[in-house]
C-alpha atoms as a PDB file:
ATOM      1  CA  UNK A   1      79.529 102.257  66.924  1.00  0.00           C
ATOM      2  CA  UNK A   2      82.880 101.082  68.029  1.00  0.00           C
ATOM      3  CA  UNK A   3      85.920 103.405  67.469  1.00  0.00           C
ATOM      4  CA  UNK A   4      89.653 102.725  67.818  1.00  0.00           C
ATOM      5  CA  UNK A   5      91.969 105.047  69.677  1.00  0.00           C
ATOM      6  CA  UNK A   6      95.786 104.700  69.821  1.00  0.00           C
ATOM      7  CA  UNK A   7      97.342 105.243  73.267  1.00  0.00           C
ATOM      8  CA  UNK A   8     101.071 106.055  73.231  1.00  0.00           C
ATOM      9  CA  UNK A   9     103.258 106.354  76.266  1.00  0.00           C
ATOM     10  CA  UNK A  10     104.998 109.670  76.098  1.00  0.00           C
ATOM     11  CA  UNK A  11     106.833 109.633  79.511  1.00  0.00           C
ATOM     12  CA  UNK A  12     106.691 108.526  83.098  1.00  0.00           C
ATOM     13  CA  UNK A  13     109.013 108.324  86.015  1.00  0.00           C
ATOM     14  CA  UNK A  14     110.051 104.719  85.392  1.00  0.00           C
ATOM     15  CA  UNK A  15     109.583 104.716  81.623  1.00  0.00           C
ATOM     16  CA  UNK A  16     112.262 102.828  79.998  1.00  0.00           C
ATOM     17  CA  UNK A  17     110.811 101.418  76.715  1.00  0.00           C
ATOM     18  CA  UNK A  18     108.331 102.491  74.134  1.00  0.00           C
ATOM     19  CA  UNK A  19     104.812 101.246  74.498  1.00  0.00           C
ATOM     20  CA  UNK A  20     101.517 101.894  72.609  1.00  0.00           C
ATOM     21  CA  UNK A  21      98.153 100.174  72.239  1.00  0.00           C
ATOM     22  CA  UNK A  22      95.034 100.303  70.032  1.00  0.00           C
ATOM     23  CA  UNK A  23      92.011 100.306  72.167  1.00  0.00           C
ATOM     24  CA  UNK A  24      88.462  99.792  70.833  1.00  0.00           C
ATOM     25  CA  UNK A  25      85.543 101.275  72.738  1.00  0.00           C
ATOM     26  CA  UNK A  26      82.053 102.542  72.132  1.00  0.00           C
ATOM     27  CA  UNK A  27      81.872 106.162  70.685  1.00  0.00           C
ATOM     28  CA  UNK A  28      79.428 106.936  73.609  1.00  0.00           C
ATOM     29  CA  UNK A  29      82.310 106.015  76.220  1.00  0.00           C
ATOM     30  CA  UNK A  30      83.583 108.864  78.381  1.00  0.00           C
ATOM     31  CA  UNK A  31      87.062 109.820  79.232  1.00  0.00           C
ATOM     32  CA  UNK A  32      86.495 108.111  82.552  1.00  0.00           C
ATOM     33  CA  UNK A  33      85.800 104.900  80.578  1.00  0.00           C
ATOM     34  CA  UNK A  34      88.911 105.500  78.633  1.00  0.00           C
ATOM     35  CA  UNK A  35      90.943 105.925  81.868  1.00  0.00           C
ATOM     36  CA  UNK A  36      89.760 102.502  82.941  1.00  0.00           C
ATOM     37  CA  UNK A  37      90.688 100.957  79.621  1.00  0.00           C
ATOM     38  CA  UNK A  38      94.205 102.471  79.719  1.00  0.00           C
ATOM     39  CA  UNK A  39      94.687 101.248  83.295  1.00  0.00           C
ATOM     40  CA  UNK A  40      93.680  97.697  82.223  1.00  0.00           C
ATOM     41  CA  UNK A  41      96.028  97.899  79.280  1.00  0.00           C
ATOM     42  CA  UNK A  42      99.080  98.921  81.288  1.00  0.00           C
ATOM     43  CA  UNK A  43      98.086  97.058  84.385  1.00  0.00           C
ATOM     44  CA  UNK A  44      98.610  99.989  86.778  1.00  0.00           C
ATOM     45  CA  UNK A  45      97.084  99.997  90.331  1.00  0.00           C
ATOM     46  CA  UNK A  46      94.599 102.821  89.782  1.00  0.00           C
ATOM     47  CA  UNK A  47      95.920 104.368  93.013  1.00  0.00           C
ATOM     48  CA  UNK A  48      96.493 107.906  91.867  1.00  0.00           C
ATOM     49  CA  UNK A  49      94.673 110.954  90.520  1.00  0.00           C
ATOM     50  CA  UNK A  50      94.433 111.500  86.875  1.00  0.00           C
ATOM     51  CA  UNK A  51      93.090 113.977  84.255  1.00  0.00           C
ATOM     52  CA  UNK A  52      92.961 114.473  80.538  1.00  0.00           C
ATOM     53  CA  UNK A  53      94.011 117.654  78.776  1.00  0.00           C
ATOM     54  CA  UNK A  54      94.219 119.157  75.359  1.00  0.00           C
ATOM     55  CA  UNK A  55      97.281 121.199  74.247  1.00  0.00           C
ATOM     56  CA  UNK A  56      99.792 121.544  71.537  1.00  0.00           C
ATOM     57  CA  UNK A  57     102.361 119.311  73.253  1.00  0.00           C
ATOM     58  CA  UNK A  58     102.384 117.167  76.382  1.00  0.00           C
ATOM     59  CA  UNK A  59     104.521 119.816  78.105  1.00  0.00           C
ATOM     60  CA  UNK A  60     102.624 122.882  76.806  1.00  0.00           C
ATOM     61  CA  UNK A  61     101.718 125.397  79.580  1.00  0.00           C
ATOM     62  CA  UNK A  62      98.503 126.382  77.804  1.00  0.00           C
ATOM     63  CA  UNK A  63      96.208 123.326  78.492  1.00  0.00           C
ATOM     64  CA  UNK A  64      92.546 122.747  78.565  1.00  0.00           C
ATOM     65  CA  UNK A  65      91.863 120.353  81.259  1.00  0.00           C
ATOM     66  CA  UNK A  66      89.078 117.757  81.042  1.00  0.00           C
ATOM     67  CA  UNK A  67      88.620 116.444  84.617  1.00  0.00           C
ATOM     68  CA  UNK A  68      86.256 115.908  87.520  1.00  0.00           C
ATOM     69  CA  UNK A  69      86.289 119.725  88.458  1.00  0.00           C
ATOM     70  CA  UNK A  70      84.605 120.709  85.207  1.00  0.00           C
ATOM     71  CA  UNK A  71      82.675 117.530  84.921  1.00  0.00           C
ATOM     72  CA  UNK A  72      83.801 116.731  81.336  1.00  0.00           C
ATOM     73  CA  UNK A  73      85.572 113.579  82.213  1.00  0.00           C
ATOM     74  CA  UNK A  74      82.335 111.733  82.876  1.00  0.00           C
ATOM     75  CA  UNK A  75      79.916 113.628  80.625  1.00  0.00           C
ATOM     76  CA  UNK A  76      81.516 114.239  77.259  1.00  0.00           C
ATOM     77  CA  UNK A  77      81.269 111.268  74.774  1.00  0.00           C
ATOM     78  CA  UNK A  78      84.617 110.279  73.351  1.00  0.00           C
ATOM     79  CA  UNK A  79      83.222 110.162  69.771  1.00  0.00           C
ATOM     80  CA  UNK A  80      82.150 113.788  70.029  1.00  0.00           C
ATOM     81  CA  UNK A  81      85.659 114.883  70.946  1.00  0.00           C
ATOM     82  CA  UNK A  82      87.221 114.002  67.681  1.00  0.00           C
ATOM     83  CA  UNK A  83      88.372 115.609  65.546  1.00  0.00           C
ATOM     84  CA  UNK A  84      90.227 117.767  67.941  1.00  0.00           C
ATOM     85  CA  UNK A  85      90.644 121.501  67.301  1.00  0.00           C
ATOM     86  CA  UNK A  86      93.621 122.325  64.924  1.00  0.00           C
ATOM     87  CA  UNK A  87      97.072 121.904  66.422  1.00  0.00           C
ATOM     88  CA  UNK A  88      95.673 120.254  69.569  1.00  0.00           C
ATOM     89  CA  UNK A  89      96.361 116.852  70.927  1.00  0.00           C
ATOM     90  CA  UNK A  90      94.700 114.819  73.765  1.00  0.00           C
ATOM     91  CA  UNK A  91      96.728 113.663  76.678  1.00  0.00           C
ATOM     92  CA  UNK A  92      96.136 111.462  79.691  1.00  0.00           C
ATOM     93  CA  UNK A  93      98.067 112.306  82.882  1.00  0.00           C
ATOM     94  CA  UNK A  94      98.184 109.668  85.620  1.00  0.00           C
ATOM     95  CA  UNK A  95      99.837 110.212  88.963  1.00  0.00           C
ATOM     96  CA  UNK A  96     101.219 113.781  89.222  1.00  0.00           C
ATOM     97  CA  UNK A  97     104.189 112.463  91.186  1.00  0.00           C
ATOM     98  CA  UNK A  98     105.407 109.845  88.674  1.00  0.00           C
ATOM     99  CA  UNK A  99     103.969 111.862  85.824  1.00  0.00           C
ATOM    100  CA  UNK A 100     102.732 109.171  83.488  1.00  0.00           C
ATOM    101  CA  UNK A 101     101.640 110.821  80.263  1.00  0.00           C
ATOM    102  CA  UNK A 102     100.063 109.084  77.332  1.00  0.00           C
ATOM    103  CA  UNK A 103      99.031 110.696  74.013  1.00  0.00           C
ATOM    104  CA  UNK A 104      95.500 109.690  72.677  1.00  0.00           C
ATOM    105  CA  UNK A 105      94.840 109.861  68.909  1.00  0.00           C
ATOM    106  CA  UNK A 106      91.944 108.479  66.962  1.00  0.00           C
ATOM    107  CA  UNK A 107      92.746 105.736  64.611  1.00  0.00           C
ATOM    108  CA  UNK A 108      92.110 106.061  60.937  1.00  0.00           C
ATOM    109  CA  UNK A 109      90.241 102.891  61.264  1.00  0.00           C
ATOM    110  CA  UNK A 110      86.571 103.460  60.433  1.00  0.00           C
ATOM    111  CA  UNK A 111      84.083 103.072  63.306  1.00  0.00           C
ATOM    112  CA  UNK A 112      82.231  99.776  63.111  1.00  0.00           C
ATOM    113  CA  UNK A 113      79.292  97.891  64.618  1.00  0.00           C
ATOM    114  CA  UNK A 114      80.068  95.869  67.785  1.00  0.00           C
ATOM    115  CA  UNK A 115      81.221  92.377  67.165  1.00  0.00           C
ATOM    116  CA  UNK A 116      78.834  89.849  68.687  1.00  0.00           C
ATOM    117  CA  UNK A 117      80.589  88.119  71.735  1.00  0.00           C
ATOM    118  CA  UNK A 118      83.241  90.797  72.008  1.00  0.00           C
ATOM    119  CA  UNK A 119      83.384  92.805  75.282  1.00  0.00           C
ATOM    120  CA  UNK A 120      84.326  96.408  74.976  1.00  0.00           C
ATOM    121  CA  UNK A 121      86.475  98.317  75.706  1.00  0.00           C
ATOM    122  CA  UNK A 122      89.156  95.923  74.624  1.00  0.00           C
ATOM    123  CA  UNK A 123      92.917  96.302  73.667  1.00  0.00           C
ATOM    124  CA  UNK A 124      92.892  95.347  69.989  1.00  0.00           C
ATOM    125  CA  UNK A 125      96.791  95.443  69.631  1.00  0.00           C
ATOM    126  CA  UNK A 126      99.942  96.287  71.621  1.00  0.00           C
ATOM    127  CA  UNK A 127     103.359  97.443  70.578  1.00  0.00           C
ATOM    128  CA  UNK A 128     106.433  97.531  72.830  1.00  0.00           C
ATOM    129  CA  UNK A 129     106.890  96.665  76.413  1.00  0.00           C
ATOM    130  CA  UNK A 130     104.314  97.454  79.142  1.00  0.00           C
ATOM    131  CA  UNK A 131     105.707 100.046  81.616  1.00  0.00           C
ATOM    132  CA  UNK A 132     106.240  99.149  85.290  1.00  0.00           C
ATOM    133  CA  UNK A 133     104.358 101.604  87.351  1.00  0.00           C
ATOM    134  CA  UNK A 134     106.861 101.359  90.093  1.00  0.00           C
ATOM    135  CA  UNK A 135     110.690 100.856  89.877  1.00  0.00           C
ATOM    136  CA  UNK A 136     110.650  97.902  92.359  1.00  0.00           C
ATOM    137  CA  UNK A 137     108.331  95.696  90.218  1.00  0.00           C
ATOM    138  CA  UNK A 138     110.047  92.619  88.820  1.00  0.00           C
ATOM    139  CA  UNK A 139     110.062  92.496  85.005  1.00  0.00           C
ATOM    140  CA  UNK A 140     109.276  88.775  85.304  1.00  0.00           C
ATOM    141  CA  UNK A 141     105.824  89.601  86.636  1.00  0.00           C
ATOM    142  CA  UNK A 142     104.534  90.925  83.276  1.00  0.00           C
ATOM    143  CA  UNK A 143     102.015  89.020  81.407  1.00  0.00           C
END
């Protein structure tokens, strides 16, 4: 089944505008697959470390990391993660230096069968302006 997650930019070193996207992907996809889908959506260079974590807020000190060290990033199906524990949110952190943080929420849209001819994951919709990964990027280069 195909599920929809909303990815919302929370902050980042060069973040100037709001941005969010709805991404459709198979429920059996892992967080590693979601990382790739987010990178495709924002068009970043994939040139830094990343992790996912669960916590009350994006800045909470009490975080449960889902990363390569504990193996959960490539083994736990995304569909099995939701609903999250009470008062917990899922965050994606890319590049500890520039601190790009995105909040991941499950859409209220019901899971559905894959649509013939559609390649997943795919960005279903997008709101706002894509962030520039680096400050020297020309805004005219955006698609």
